[in-house]
Amino acid sequence: MAKQIKQENKQDKQLQEIGSRIRDLRKKKGLTQLELADKIGCSETHLSNIETGSAKMGVDIAIRIADYFGVSTDWILRAINPGMTDVELLSDCSPSEREYYEELFGSIKKISRKHGKTGK
């Protein structure tokens, strides 16, 4: 029973975090809930419930929100890869450029972690 409550609390927190990211995106664009709801094809009430974490959204709505704001669904759902994905970032690079950038980013990551600058 306690394990189930702990799992429900974790899900509630995750839904609130997802909703918060969506609300932040909407506000940065200067949109009302009604305007965004119209653009993504859901009701204002449902969008409000998503933003407050009191309702889950379907995959179709998550995709429409991501497409509208130009972010990945990973970022909306888990705050991963805001903006470009790794693949998109390196898509126009030659194999030698990819290798160079991977080594460079690896070095930057090691230095950042060593100095506690990971953003986590």
Protein backbone atom coordinates (compact mmCIF):
# COMPACT_ATOMS: atom_id res chain seq x y z
CA MET A 1 0.00 0.00 0.00
CA ALA A 2 2.77 2.46 0.92
CA LYS A 3 4.64 1.57 -2.27
CA GLN A 4 1.52 2.35 -4.34
CA ILE A 5 1.10 5.74 -2.63
CA LYS A 6 4.77 6.56 -3.25
CA GLN A 7 4.34 5.64 -6.95
CA GLU A 8 1.20 7.81 -7.22
CA ASN A 9 3.03 10.76 -5.61
CA LYS A 10 5.87 10.35 -8.12
CA GLN A 11 3.39 10.32 -11.02
CA ASP A 12 1.62 13.39 -9.64
CA LYS A 13 4.94 15.25 -9.44
CA GLN A 14 5.85 14.22 -12.99
CA LEU A 15 2.48 15.44 -14.31
CA GLN A 16 2.98 18.76 -12.52
CA GLU A 17 6.46 19.14 -14.02
CA ILE A 18 5.16 18.38 -17.52
CA GLY A 19 2.34 20.86 -17.04
CA SER A 20 4.75 23.49 -15.81
CA ARG A 21 6.94 23.11 -18.89
CA ILE A 22 3.91 23.47 -21.16
CA ARG A 23 2.66 26.51 -19.24
CA ASP A 24 6.12 28.14 -19.47
CA LEU A 25 6.23 27.56 -23.24
CA ARG A 26 2.73 29.00 -23.63
CA LYS A 27 3.49 32.08 -21.56
CA LYS A 28 6.77 32.73 -23.39
CA LYS A 29 4.76 32.84 -26.63
CA GLY A 30 2.25 35.20 -25.00
CA LEU A 31 -0.66 32.83 -25.54
CA THR A 32 -3.73 32.31 -23.40
CA GLN A 33 -4.83 28.77 -22.58
CA LEU A 34 -7.75 29.20 -24.98
CA GLU A 35 -5.45 30.27 -27.84
CA LEU A 36 -3.10 27.32 -27.34
CA ALA A 37 -5.98 24.89 -26.89
CA ASP A 38 -7.42 26.05 -30.23
CA LYS A 39 -4.04 25.62 -31.94
CA ILE A 40 -3.48 22.08 -30.66
CA GLY A 41 -7.08 20.90 -30.90
CA CYS A 42 -8.16 20.35 -27.32
CA SER A 43 -10.46 22.13 -24.89
CA GLU A 44 -9.28 24.98 -22.72
CA THR A 45 -10.36 22.99 -19.65
CA HIS A 46 -8.27 19.98 -20.66
CA LEU A 47 -5.22 22.18 -21.32
CA SER A 48 -5.71 23.85 -17.93
CA ASN A 49 -5.86 20.43 -16.27
CA ILE A 50 -2.68 19.34 -18.10
CA GLU A 51 -0.86 22.51 -17.00
CA THR A 52 -1.81 21.98 -13.36
CA GLY A 53 -0.90 18.29 -13.46
CA SER A 54 -4.42 17.12 -12.71
CA ALA A 55 -4.87 15.40 -16.09
CA LYS A 56 -2.76 13.25 -18.35
CA MET A 57 -2.46 14.10 -22.01
CA GLY A 58 -2.51 11.69 -24.89
CA VAL A 59 0.41 11.11 -27.19
CA ASP A 60 -1.40 13.03 -29.94
CA ILE A 61 -1.62 16.18 -27.83
CA ALA A 62 1.99 15.86 -26.66
CA ILE A 63 3.09 15.67 -30.30
CA ARG A 64 0.94 18.65 -31.31
CA ILE A 65 2.33 20.74 -28.44
CA ALA A 66 5.91 19.77 -29.30
CA ASP A 67 5.36 20.54 -32.98
CA TYR A 68 3.73 23.88 -32.24
CA PHE A 69 6.55 25.08 -29.98
CA GLY A 70 9.36 23.45 -31.97
CA VAL A 71 10.64 21.30 -29.11
CA SER A 72 10.97 17.55 -28.73
CA THR A 73 8.40 15.44 -26.94
CA ASP A 74 11.31 14.23 -24.79
CA TRP A 75 11.77 17.77 -23.57
CA ILE A 76 8.08 18.16 -22.76
CA LEU A 77 7.85 14.80 -21.03
CA ARG A 78 11.26 14.59 -19.37
CA ALA A 79 13.05 17.93 -19.92
CA ILE A 80 15.56 16.22 -22.20
CA ASN A 81 17.11 17.87 -25.26
CA PRO A 82 15.55 21.31 -25.34
CA GLY A 83 15.89 22.57 -28.88
CA MET A 84 17.88 20.41 -31.26
CA THR A 85 18.52 16.74 -30.69
CA ASP A 86 22.05 15.35 -30.90
CA VAL A 87 21.26 13.85 -34.29
CA GLU A 88 19.92 17.16 -35.66
CA LEU A 89 22.89 19.06 -34.28
CA LEU A 90 25.42 16.84 -36.04
CA SER A 91 23.37 15.92 -39.12
CA ASP A 92 25.34 18.10 -41.55
CA CYS A 93 28.78 17.13 -40.20
CA SER A 94 31.28 14.89 -41.91
CA PRO A 95 32.41 11.77 -40.01
CA SER A 96 35.66 13.50 -39.02
CA GLU A 97 33.74 16.57 -37.79
CA ARG A 98 31.41 14.34 -35.76
CA GLU A 99 34.39 12.63 -34.16
CA TYR A 100 35.99 16.00 -33.38
CA TYR A 101 32.81 17.41 -31.81
CA GLU A 102 32.14 14.25 -29.82
CA GLU A 103 35.66 14.43 -28.35
CA LEU A 104 35.26 18.16 -27.70
CA PHE A 105 31.87 17.75 -25.98
CA GLY A 106 33.23 14.81 -23.98
CA SER A 107 36.09 16.99 -22.72
CA ILE A 108 33.72 19.84 -21.87
CA LYS A 109 31.45 17.43 -19.99
CA LYS A 110 34.38 16.05 -17.94
CA ILE A 111 35.59 19.54 -17.03
CA SER A 112 32.06 20.69 -16.15
CA ARG A 113 31.47 17.70 -13.91
CA LYS A 114 34.87 18.09 -12.27
CA HIS A 115 34.00 21.68 -11.34
CA GLY A 116 30.37 20.92 -10.41
CA LYS A 117 28.91 22.83 -13.35
CA THR A 118 26.52 20.19 -14.69
CA GLY A 119 23.23 22.03 -14.27
CA LYS A 120 21.74 19.08 -12.38
